[in-house]
C-alpha atoms as a PDB file:
ATOM      1  CA  MET A   1     -28.573  -6.689   4.514  1.00  0.00           C
ATOM      2  CA  HIS A   2     -26.044  -9.435   3.777  1.00  0.00           C
ATOM      3  CA  LYS A   3     -25.913 -12.123   6.449  1.00  0.00           C
ATOM      4  CA  ILE A   4     -22.371 -12.984   7.522  1.00  0.00           C
ATOM      5  CA  SER A   5     -22.022 -16.526   8.760  1.00  0.00           C
ATOM      6  CA  PRO A   6     -19.640 -17.047  11.690  1.00  0.00           C
ATOM      7  CA  LYS A   7     -18.426 -20.160   9.812  1.00  0.00           C
ATOM      8  CA  GLU A   8     -18.203 -18.634   6.359  1.00  0.00           C
ATOM      9  CA  ASN A   9     -17.054 -21.131   3.733  1.00  0.00           C
ATOM     10  CA  GLU A  10     -15.116 -20.494   0.513  1.00  0.00           C
ATOM     11  CA  THR A  11     -18.248 -19.865  -1.526  1.00  0.00           C
ATOM     12  CA  GLY A  12     -19.575 -17.439   1.078  1.00  0.00           C
ATOM     13  CA  ARG A  13     -16.268 -15.567   1.248  1.00  0.00           C
ATOM     14  CA  LYS A  14     -16.119 -15.122  -2.518  1.00  0.00           C
ATOM     15  CA  LYS A  15     -19.724 -13.955  -2.672  1.00  0.00           C
ATOM     16  CA  ARG A  16     -19.222 -11.379   0.088  1.00  0.00           C
ATOM     17  CA  ALA A  17     -15.889 -10.247  -1.393  1.00  0.00           C
ATOM     18  CA  GLY A  18     -17.661  -9.707  -4.695  1.00  0.00           C
ATOM     19  CA  LEU A  19     -20.276  -7.536  -2.991  1.00  0.00           C
ATOM     20  CA  ILE A  20     -17.538  -5.539  -1.243  1.00  0.00           C
ATOM     21  CA  LEU A  21     -15.795  -5.009  -4.557  1.00  0.00           C
ATOM     22  CA  LYS A  22     -19.057  -3.918  -6.170  1.00  0.00           C
ATOM     23  CA  GLU A  23     -19.670  -1.355  -3.431  1.00  0.00           C
ATOM     24  CA  LEU A  24     -16.101  -0.068  -3.649  1.00  0.00           C
ATOM     25  CA  ARG A  25     -16.594   0.453  -7.384  1.00  0.00           C
ATOM     26  CA  LYS A  26     -19.609   2.630  -6.593  1.00  0.00           C
ATOM     27  CA  LEU A  27     -17.782   4.589  -3.929  1.00  0.00           C
ATOM     28  CA  TYR A  28     -14.458   5.057  -5.708  1.00  0.00           C
ATOM     29  CA  PRO A  29     -14.904   4.494  -9.450  1.00  0.00           C
ATOM     30  CA  ASP A  30     -11.690   6.378 -10.226  1.00  0.00           C
ATOM     31  CA  ALA A  31      -9.499   5.030  -7.415  1.00  0.00           C
ATOM     32  CA  ASP A  32      -5.885   5.088  -8.551  1.00  0.00           C
ATOM     33  CA  CYS A  33      -2.363   5.400  -7.231  1.00  0.00           C
ATOM     34  CA  ALA A  34      -1.899   8.553  -5.157  1.00  0.00           C
ATOM     35  CA  LEU A  35       1.795   8.898  -6.038  1.00  0.00           C
ATOM     36  CA  HIS A  36       2.611  11.328  -8.841  1.00  0.00           C
ATOM     37  CA  TYR A  37       4.771  10.042 -11.710  1.00  0.00           C
ATOM     38  CA  ARG A  38       5.311  10.385 -15.458  1.00  0.00           C
ATOM     39  CA  SER A  39       6.988   7.081 -16.266  1.00  0.00           C
ATOM     40  CA  PRO A  40       7.324   3.544 -14.861  1.00  0.00           C
ATOM     41  CA  PHE A  41      10.778   4.520 -13.582  1.00  0.00           C
ATOM     42  CA  GLN A  42       9.436   7.528 -11.691  1.00  0.00           C
ATOM     43  CA  LEU A  43       6.686   5.404 -10.133  1.00  0.00           C
ATOM     44  CA  LEU A  44       9.288   2.835  -9.090  1.00  0.00           C
ATOM     45  CA  ILE A  45      11.432   5.494  -7.403  1.00  0.00           C
ATOM     46  CA  ALA A  46       8.440   7.195  -5.754  1.00  0.00           C
ATOM     47  CA  THR A  47       7.248   3.860  -4.384  1.00  0.00           C
ATOM     48  CA  ILE A  48      10.645   3.026  -2.923  1.00  0.00           C
ATOM     49  CA  LEU A  49      10.721   6.458  -1.277  1.00  0.00           C
ATOM     50  CA  SER A  50       7.195   6.015   0.115  1.00  0.00           C
ATOM     51  CA  ALA A  51       8.257   3.292   2.559  1.00  0.00           C
ATOM     52  CA  GLN A  52       7.462   4.476   6.095  1.00  0.00           C
ATOM     53  CA  SER A  53       6.421   7.853   4.730  1.00  0.00           C
ATOM     54  CA  THR A  54       3.241   9.383   3.330  1.00  0.00           C
ATOM     55  CA  ASP A  55       2.220   9.815  -0.289  1.00  0.00           C
ATOM     56  CA  GLU A  56       1.700  13.514   0.415  1.00  0.00           C
ATOM     57  CA  THR A  57       5.306  13.894   1.542  1.00  0.00           C
ATOM     58  CA  ILE A  58       6.662  11.958  -1.423  1.00  0.00           C
ATOM     59  CA  ASN A  59       4.598  14.020  -3.868  1.00  0.00           C
ATOM     60  CA  LYS A  60       6.323  17.138  -2.518  1.00  0.00           C
ATOM     61  CA  ILE A  61       9.767  15.588  -2.899  1.00  0.00           C
ATOM     62  CA  THR A  62       9.603  13.950  -6.319  1.00  0.00           C
ATOM     63  CA  PRO A  63       8.907  16.997  -8.529  1.00  0.00           C
ATOM     64  CA  VAL A  64      12.227  18.503  -7.439  1.00  0.00           C
ATOM     65  CA  LEU A  65      14.028  15.150  -7.594  1.00  0.00           C
ATOM     66  CA  PHE A  66      12.680  14.255 -11.033  1.00  0.00           C
ATOM     67  CA  ALA A  67      13.278  17.709 -12.505  1.00  0.00           C
ATOM     68  CA  LYS A  68      16.964  16.792 -12.932  1.00  0.00           C
ATOM     69  CA  HIS A  69      17.094  13.113 -12.003  1.00  0.00           C
ATOM     70  CA  GLY A  70      13.951  11.626 -13.540  1.00  0.00           C
ATOM     71  CA  THR A  71      15.649   8.961 -15.661  1.00  0.00           C
ATOM     72  CA  PRO A  72      17.826   5.977 -14.707  1.00  0.00           C
ATOM     73  CA  LYS A  73      20.898   7.563 -16.318  1.00  0.00           C
ATOM     74  CA  ALA A  74      20.441  10.915 -14.584  1.00  0.00           C
ATOM     75  CA  LEU A  75      19.728   9.437 -11.169  1.00  0.00           C
ATOM     76  CA  ALA A  76      22.596   6.950 -11.301  1.00  0.00           C
ATOM     77  CA  ALA A  77      25.039   9.735 -12.241  1.00  0.00           C
ATOM     78  CA  ALA A  78      23.954  12.168  -9.500  1.00  0.00           C
ATOM     79  CA  SER A  79      26.015  12.711  -6.357  1.00  0.00           C
ATOM     80  CA  ARG A  80      24.823  10.691  -3.374  1.00  0.00           C
ATOM     81  CA  GLU A  81      24.969  13.758  -1.155  1.00  0.00           C
ATOM     82  CA  LYS A  82      22.673  15.704  -3.473  1.00  0.00           C
ATOM     83  CA  ILE A  83      20.147  12.865  -3.633  1.00  0.00           C
ATOM     84  CA  GLU A  84      20.156  12.535   0.152  1.00  0.00           C
ATOM     85  CA  GLU A  85      19.500  16.252   0.437  1.00  0.00           C
ATOM     86  CA  LEU A  86      16.567  16.124  -2.006  1.00  0.00           C
ATOM     87  CA  ILE A  87      14.857  13.134  -0.344  1.00  0.00           C
ATOM     88  CA  HIS A  88      15.705  13.978   3.276  1.00  0.00           C
ATOM     89  CA  ALA A  89      12.072  14.574   4.268  1.00  0.00           C
ATOM     90  CA  SER A  90      11.088  11.026   3.282  1.00  0.00           C
ATOM     91  CA  GLY A  91      12.909   9.543   6.268  1.00  0.00           C
ATOM     92  CA  PHE A  92      15.687   6.924   6.210  1.00  0.00           C
ATOM     93  CA  PHE A  93      17.105   9.095   3.445  1.00  0.00           C
ATOM     94  CA  ARG A  94      20.594   7.549   3.386  1.00  0.00           C
ATOM     95  CA  GLN A  95      19.341   4.021   2.810  1.00  0.00           C
ATOM     96  CA  LYS A  96      16.706   5.220   0.360  1.00  0.00           C
ATOM     97  CA  ALA A  97      19.282   7.210  -1.614  1.00  0.00           C
ATOM     98  CA  LYS A  98      21.445   4.114  -1.836  1.00  0.00           C
ATOM     99  CA  SER A  99      18.449   2.013  -2.937  1.00  0.00           C
ATOM    100  CA  ILE A 100      17.113   4.345  -5.630  1.00  0.00           C
ATOM    101  CA  GLN A 101      20.537   4.959  -7.127  1.00  0.00           C
ATOM    102  CA  GLY A 102      21.264   1.244  -6.974  1.00  0.00           C
ATOM    103  CA  ALA A 103      17.971   0.513  -8.725  1.00  0.00           C
ATOM    104  CA  ALA A 104      18.739   3.101 -11.414  1.00  0.00           C
ATOM    105  CA  GLN A 105      22.195   1.619 -12.018  1.00  0.00           C
ATOM    106  CA  ALA A 106      20.832  -1.939 -12.152  1.00  0.00           C
ATOM    107  CA  ILE A 107      18.201  -0.874 -14.701  1.00  0.00           C
ATOM    108  CA  LEU A 108      21.005   0.574 -16.855  1.00  0.00           C
ATOM    109  CA  ASP A 109      23.339  -2.407 -16.439  1.00  0.00           C
ATOM    110  CA  ASP A 110      20.890  -5.296 -16.550  1.00  0.00           C
ATOM    111  CA  PHE A 111      17.780  -4.116 -18.403  1.00  0.00           C
ATOM    112  CA  GLY A 112      18.958  -1.743 -21.118  1.00  0.00           C
ATOM    113  CA  GLY A 113      17.768   1.356 -19.289  1.00  0.00           C
ATOM    114  CA  LYS A 114      14.137   0.250 -19.084  1.00  0.00           C
ATOM    115  CA  VAL A 115      12.182  -0.809 -15.996  1.00  0.00           C
ATOM    116  CA  PRO A 116      11.653  -4.575 -16.258  1.00  0.00           C
ATOM    117  CA  GLU A 117       8.069  -5.797 -16.666  1.00  0.00           C
ATOM    118  CA  THR A 118       8.109  -8.966 -14.584  1.00  0.00           C
ATOM    119  CA  ILE A 119       7.923  -9.480 -10.823  1.00  0.00           C
ATOM    120  CA  GLU A 120      10.940 -11.779 -10.970  1.00  0.00           C
ATOM    121  CA  ASP A 121      13.125  -9.096 -12.556  1.00  0.00           C
ATOM    122  CA  LEU A 122      11.785  -6.194 -10.518  1.00  0.00           C
ATOM    123  CA  ILE A 123      12.605  -7.785  -7.176  1.00  0.00           C
ATOM    124  CA  THR A 124      16.265  -8.093  -8.219  1.00  0.00           C
ATOM    125  CA  LEU A 125      16.523  -4.289  -8.049  1.00  0.00           C
ATOM    126  CA  PRO A 126      17.862  -2.690  -4.836  1.00  0.00           C
ATOM    127  CA  GLY A 127      15.071  -1.467  -2.560  1.00  0.00           C
ATOM    128  CA  VAL A 128      12.387  -3.454  -4.375  1.00  0.00           C
ATOM    129  CA  ALA A 129      10.358  -6.184  -2.659  1.00  0.00           C
ATOM    130  CA  ARG A 130       7.084  -7.735  -3.796  1.00  0.00           C
ATOM    131  CA  LYS A 131       4.903  -4.852  -2.604  1.00  0.00           C
ATOM    132  CA  THR A 132       6.806  -2.280  -4.678  1.00  0.00           C
ATOM    133  CA  ALA A 133       6.949  -4.664  -7.635  1.00  0.00           C
ATOM    134  CA  ASN A 134       3.168  -5.138  -7.459  1.00  0.00           C
ATOM    135  CA  VAL A 135       2.653  -1.363  -7.508  1.00  0.00           C
ATOM    136  CA  VAL A 136       4.772  -0.959 -10.637  1.00  0.00           C
ATOM    137  CA  MET A 137       3.330  -3.998 -12.409  1.00  0.00           C
ATOM    138  CA  GLY A 138      -0.290  -3.064 -11.732  1.00  0.00           C
ATOM    139  CA  THR A 139      -0.184   0.715 -11.955  1.00  0.00           C
ATOM    140  CA  ALA A 140       2.556   1.446 -14.506  1.00  0.00           C
ATOM    141  CA  PHE A 141       2.149  -1.603 -16.732  1.00  0.00           C
ATOM    142  CA  GLY A 142      -1.502  -2.540 -16.138  1.00  0.00           C
ATOM    143  CA  LYS A 143      -0.612  -6.119 -15.258  1.00  0.00           C
ATOM    144  CA  ASN A 144      -2.560  -7.664 -12.378  1.00  0.00           C
ATOM    145  CA  VAL A 145       0.001 -10.093 -11.013  1.00  0.00           C
ATOM    146  CA  GLY A 146      -0.641  -9.495  -7.312  1.00  0.00           C
ATOM    147  CA  VAL A 147      -2.312  -7.345  -4.675  1.00  0.00           C
ATOM    148  CA  VAL A 148      -0.467  -4.471  -3.011  1.00  0.00           C
ATOM    149  CA  VAL A 149      -0.795  -4.944   0.748  1.00  0.00           C
ATOM    150  CA  ASP A 150       0.071  -1.730   2.580  1.00  0.00           C
ATOM    151  CA  THR A 151      -1.037  -0.793   6.093  1.00  0.00           C
ATOM    152  CA  HIS A 152      -4.531   0.251   4.953  1.00  0.00           C
ATOM    153  CA  VAL A 153      -5.081  -2.880   2.858  1.00  0.00           C
ATOM    154  CA  GLY A 154      -3.822  -5.149   5.622  1.00  0.00           C
ATOM    155  CA  ARG A 155      -5.996  -3.474   8.244  1.00  0.00           C
ATOM    156  CA  LEU A 156      -9.192  -3.321   6.173  1.00  0.00           C
ATOM    157  CA  SER A 157      -8.770  -6.853   4.830  1.00  0.00           C
ATOM    158  CA  THR A 158      -8.627  -8.065   8.425  1.00  0.00           C
ATOM    159  CA  LEU A 159     -11.626  -5.993   9.567  1.00  0.00           C
ATOM    160  CA  LEU A 160     -13.654  -7.124   6.542  1.00  0.00           C
ATOM    161  CA  ALA A 161     -12.600 -10.754   7.114  1.00  0.00           C
ATOM    162  CA  MET A 162     -11.249 -10.982   3.578  1.00  0.00           C
ATOM    163  CA  THR A 163      -8.219 -12.741   5.013  1.00  0.00           C
ATOM    164  CA  TRP A 164      -8.396 -15.847   7.177  1.00  0.00           C
ATOM    165  CA  ARG A 165      -4.876 -17.284   7.145  1.00  0.00           C
ATOM    166  CA  SER A 166      -2.990 -14.194   8.315  1.00  0.00           C
ATOM    167  CA  LYS A 167      -1.687 -13.864  11.861  1.00  0.00           C
ATOM    168  CA  ASP A 168      -2.235 -10.115  11.986  1.00  0.00           C
ATOM    169  CA  THR A 169      -2.682  -7.030   9.785  1.00  0.00           C
ATOM    170  CA  LYS A 170       1.040  -7.019   8.895  1.00  0.00           C
ATOM    171  CA  ASP A 171       1.111 -10.576   7.568  1.00  0.00           C
ATOM    172  CA  ALA A 172       1.268  -9.278   3.978  1.00  0.00           C
ATOM    173  CA  VAL A 173       2.140 -12.554   2.265  1.00  0.00           C
ATOM    174  CA  LYS A 174      -0.881 -14.439   3.593  1.00  0.00           C
ATOM    175  CA  ILE A 175      -3.209 -11.451   3.244  1.00  0.00           C
ATOM    176  CA  GLU A 176      -2.255 -11.106  -0.414  1.00  0.00           C
ATOM    177  CA  ARG A 177      -2.790 -14.819  -1.012  1.00  0.00           C
ATOM    178  CA  ASP A 178      -6.244 -14.703   0.560  1.00  0.00           C
ATOM    179  CA  LEU A 179      -7.302 -11.617  -1.405  1.00  0.00           C
ATOM    180  CA  MET A 180      -6.132 -13.245  -4.630  1.00  0.00           C
ATOM    181  CA  GLU A 181      -8.393 -16.204  -3.872  1.00  0.00           C
ATOM    182  CA  VAL A 182     -11.606 -14.226  -3.347  1.00  0.00           C
ATOM    183  CA  ILE A 183     -11.174 -11.358  -5.820  1.00  0.00           C
ATOM    184  CA  PRO A 184     -10.982 -11.938  -9.613  1.00  0.00           C
ATOM    185  CA  GLN A 185      -7.537 -11.162 -11.037  1.00  0.00           C
ATOM    186  CA  GLN A 186      -8.623  -8.268 -13.236  1.00  0.00           C
ATOM    187  CA  HIS A 187      -9.565  -6.313 -10.096  1.00  0.00           C
ATOM    188  CA  TRP A 188      -6.416  -6.879  -8.008  1.00  0.00           C
ATOM    189  CA  THR A 189      -4.755  -3.518  -8.688  1.00  0.00           C
ATOM    190  CA  TYR A 190      -7.999  -1.583  -8.324  1.00  0.00           C
ATOM    191  CA  LEU A 191      -8.825  -3.333  -5.035  1.00  0.00           C
ATOM    192  CA  SER A 192      -5.671  -2.041  -3.379  1.00  0.00           C
ATOM    193  CA  HIS A 193      -6.296   1.538  -4.481  1.00  0.00           C
ATOM    194  CA  ALA A 194      -9.958   1.409  -3.410  1.00  0.00           C
ATOM    195  CA  LEU A 195      -9.206  -0.041   0.041  1.00  0.00           C
ATOM    196  CA  ILE A 196      -6.554   2.633   0.566  1.00  0.00           C
ATOM    197  CA  PHE A 197      -9.093   5.333  -0.364  1.00  0.00           C
ATOM    198  CA  HIS A 198     -11.647   3.812   2.015  1.00  0.00           C
ATOM    199  CA  GLY A 199      -9.083   3.531   4.803  1.00  0.00           C
ATOM    200  CA  ARG A 200      -8.236   7.187   4.467  1.00  0.00           C
ATOM    201  CA  GLN A 201     -11.728   8.578   3.999  1.00  0.00           C
ATOM    202  CA  VAL A 202     -13.998   6.358   6.124  1.00  0.00           C
ATOM    203  CA  CYS A 203     -12.321   3.485   7.982  1.00  0.00           C
ATOM    204  CA  SER A 204      -9.348   5.264   9.509  1.00  0.00           C
ATOM    205  CA  ALA A 205      -7.241   3.462  12.084  1.00  0.00           C
ATOM    206  CA  ARG A 206      -7.830   6.130  14.729  1.00  0.00           C
ATOM    207  CA  LYS A 207     -11.515   6.732  14.138  1.00  0.00           C
ATOM    208  CA  PRO A 208     -13.362   4.273  11.869  1.00  0.00           C
ATOM    209  CA  ASP A 209     -16.740   5.708  10.904  1.00  0.00           C
ATOM    210  CA  CYS A 210     -18.752   2.482  11.017  1.00  0.00           C
ATOM    211  CA  GLU A 211     -22.033   4.354  11.371  1.00  0.00           C
ATOM    212  CA  ASN A 212     -21.636   6.009   7.972  1.00  0.00           C
ATOM    213  CA  CYS A 213     -19.803   3.180   6.224  1.00  0.00           C
ATOM    214  CA  SER A 214     -21.664   1.645   3.284  1.00  0.00           C
ATOM    215  CA  LEU A 215     -19.659  -1.550   3.750  1.00  0.00           C
ATOM    216  CA  ALA A 216     -20.935  -2.019   7.305  1.00  0.00           C
ATOM    217  CA  ASN A 217     -23.514  -4.657   6.367  1.00  0.00           C
ATOM    218  CA  LEU A 218     -20.720  -6.702   4.762  1.00  0.00           C
ATOM    219  CA  CYS A 219     -18.232  -6.194   7.583  1.00  0.00           C
ATOM    220  CA  PRO A 220     -18.042  -8.505  10.631  1.00  0.00           C
ATOM    221  CA  SER A 221     -16.153  -5.752  12.477  1.00  0.00           C
ATOM    222  CA  ALA A 222     -18.756  -3.021  12.009  1.00  0.00           C
ATOM    223  CA  GLY A 223     -19.228  -1.299  15.362  1.00  0.00           C
ATOM    224  CA  ILE A 224     -16.491  -3.392  16.915  1.00  0.00           C
ATOM    225  CA  ALA A 225     -13.841  -1.539  14.911  1.00  0.00           C
ATOM    226  CA  GLU A 226     -14.816   1.742  16.576  1.00  0.00           C
ATOM    227  CA  SER A 227     -14.477   0.180  20.020  1.00  0.00           C
ATOM    228  CA  LEU A 228     -11.098  -1.328  19.131  1.00  0.00           C
ATOM    229  CA  ALA A 229      -9.817   2.051  17.946  1.00  0.00           C
ATOM    230  CA  ILE A 230     -10.970   3.735  21.162  1.00  0.00           C
ATOM    231  CA  ASN A 231      -9.374   1.005  23.316  1.00  0.00           C
ATOM    232  CA  THR A 232      -6.124   1.190  21.356  1.00  0.00           C
ATOM    233  CA  LYS A 233      -6.014   4.974  21.782  1.00  0.00           C
ATOM    234  CA  THR A 234      -6.738   4.644  25.514  1.00  0.00           C
ATOM    235  CA  GLN A 235      -4.008   2.019  25.942  1.00  0.00           C
ATOM    236  CA  ALA A 236      -1.508   4.216  24.070  1.00  0.00           C
ATOM    237  CA  THR A 237      -2.387   7.213  26.261  1.00  0.00           C
ATOM    238  CA  THR A 238      -2.073   5.143  29.454  1.00  0.00           C
ATOM    239  CA  LYS A 239       1.252   3.729  28.337  1.00  0.00           C
ATOM    240  CA  LYS A 240       2.551   7.205  27.534  1.00  0.00           C
ATOM    241  CA  ALA A 241       1.404   8.511  30.929  1.00  0.00           C
ATOM    242  CA  LYS A 242       3.119   5.660  32.784  1.00  0.00           C
ATOM    243  CA  LYS A 243       6.322   6.237  30.829  1.00  0.00           C
ATOM    244  CA  SER A 244       6.272   9.959  31.650  1.00  0.00           C
ATOM    245  CA  LYS A 245       5.636   9.233  35.324  1.00  0.00           C
ATOM    246  CA  SER A 246       8.540   6.801  35.576  1.00  0.00           C
ATOM    247  CA  ALA A 247      10.938   9.128  33.739  1.00  0.00           C
END
């Protein structure tokens, strides 16, 4: 069992992060992006649509969307109403339709019809912030320029104490910076995919399975995470009951 010091220094953090990465490689050797796509452009659009939605939902939407509008030219030329109809189930469909068509048009106007291959250029596209740019750079182009910090990555990084500067699990900028310090660059894209897999299969927000988690001996939150999930669920239920009573 790996001993976790309550005052873990930089060397200790890197060593433990390396062991976590090694175990993740054993657990999820083929961890990859769950979104379905056939080109960098399709991955870009699917990632924009995935905001505040699930990969499962987006994977049901995109085959129909991409059947006729799978290129920048085709998507930019489509009617806004039709696009809104096709992506309605993703949520926030009006803003997302505006973003994906804006991104398609910008790719045509500014980048010769090809998805740009730098973070700096990607974030100039409508609907694209660093998280989306990291997904495209790492998954579509195989360039490890950053770490994708979604809700799973933010939550697990906090539980595993792989972030120490962040204020909370949503502090993506600081979480990414910390992960980039303790994980070698060539593993940045894989790390995100693997943590997402682990968050879905073992360490879920509602019911983390610490007892059967092979990362437990490397996790300061092992056991505690289960209690936190139970308390959070209890608080949510109590809050809902009080709201119903006062209504």
